[in-house]
Protein backbone atom coordinates (compact mmCIF):
# COMPACT_ATOMS: atom_id res chain seq x y z
CA MET A 1 30.37 -10.45 -32.08
CA THR A 2 29.62 -11.83 -28.63
CA GLU A 3 32.16 -13.59 -26.50
CA PRO A 4 31.63 -17.37 -26.21
CA SER A 5 30.19 -18.73 -22.97
CA VAL A 6 31.89 -21.42 -20.91
CA ALA A 7 29.50 -24.00 -22.43
CA ASP A 8 30.39 -22.88 -25.97
CA ALA A 9 34.11 -22.98 -25.20
CA THR A 10 33.76 -26.41 -23.59
CA ASN A 11 31.94 -27.75 -26.66
CA ARG A 12 34.72 -26.44 -28.90
CA ILE A 13 37.25 -28.26 -26.75
CA TYR A 14 35.28 -31.52 -27.11
CA GLU A 15 35.29 -30.98 -30.90
CA SER A 16 39.02 -30.27 -30.84
CA LEU A 17 39.71 -33.42 -28.83
CA GLN A 18 37.73 -35.45 -31.37
CA ALA A 19 39.79 -33.82 -34.17
CA ASP A 20 43.14 -34.96 -32.73
CA ASN A 21 43.62 -31.80 -30.60
CA ALA A 22 43.34 -29.36 -33.51
CA ASP A 23 43.78 -25.78 -32.19
CA ILE A 24 43.46 -27.01 -28.60
CA ASP A 25 45.64 -24.21 -27.17
CA THR A 26 43.43 -21.57 -28.79
CA HIS A 27 40.30 -23.22 -27.39
CA ILE A 28 41.85 -23.44 -23.91
CA ALA A 29 42.63 -19.70 -24.03
CA VAL A 30 39.01 -18.96 -25.02
CA LEU A 31 37.78 -21.18 -22.18
CA LYS A 32 40.08 -19.43 -19.70
CA ALA A 33 38.71 -16.03 -20.75
CA ALA A 34 35.10 -17.29 -20.55
CA LEU A 35 35.70 -18.66 -17.04
CA ALA A 36 37.12 -15.29 -15.95
CA ARG A 37 34.14 -13.40 -17.42
CA GLU A 38 31.65 -15.66 -15.67
CA GLY A 39 33.59 -15.63 -12.38
CA LEU A 40 34.21 -19.37 -12.36
CA LYS A 41 37.33 -21.06 -11.02
CA GLU A 42 37.20 -24.37 -12.90
CA ALA A 43 35.85 -26.05 -16.01
CA THR A 44 33.80 -29.24 -15.70
CA PHE A 45 33.97 -31.86 -18.43
CA ASP A 46 31.88 -34.97 -19.06
CA PRO A 47 34.30 -37.92 -19.10
CA ALA A 48 32.01 -39.85 -21.45
CA ARG A 49 32.71 -37.27 -24.19
CA LEU A 50 36.50 -37.59 -23.93
CA VAL A 51 38.58 -39.50 -26.44
CA GLN A 52 40.63 -41.14 -23.68
CA ASN A 53 38.17 -41.73 -20.88
CA ASN A 54 40.51 -43.53 -18.53
CA ARG A 55 42.39 -42.35 -15.47
CA SER A 56 45.57 -41.71 -17.42
CA GLY A 57 43.78 -39.69 -20.10
CA ARG A 58 41.90 -37.58 -17.55
CA LYS A 59 45.05 -36.88 -15.51
CA ARG A 60 46.95 -35.93 -18.68
CA MET A 61 44.16 -33.55 -19.66
CA GLN A 62 44.10 -31.98 -16.19
CA ALA A 63 47.88 -31.47 -16.26
CA TYR A 64 47.87 -29.97 -19.76
CA PHE A 65 45.05 -27.54 -18.95
CA ARG A 66 46.61 -26.66 -15.56
CA GLN A 67 49.84 -25.63 -17.34
CA ARG A 68 47.69 -23.20 -19.33
CA GLY A 69 45.92 -21.80 -16.26
CA VAL A 70 42.64 -23.76 -16.33
CA THR A 71 41.55 -26.10 -13.53
CA VAL A 72 39.65 -29.12 -14.87
CA THR A 73 37.15 -31.28 -13.00
CA PHE A 74 35.01 -34.13 -14.29
CA SER A 75 31.30 -34.68 -13.76
CA ASP A 76 30.16 -37.93 -12.25
CA PRO A 77 29.58 -40.62 -14.85
């Protein structure tokens, strides 16, 4: 079985966010490992695909991911 790419891990996080954060910590850990494998320092998310696409929601997401060792940035809308 191949390891998921950053894009795969990011898509799973979008799905988890849509499903009321189901297994979000597991998906963050997979994303963190994928970032390390690909030599990336941060994950970029599309704010339009977030459940709470407002400043508060984005900052909360960044803080939660940062506590788990993943730096989050957002693409331009």
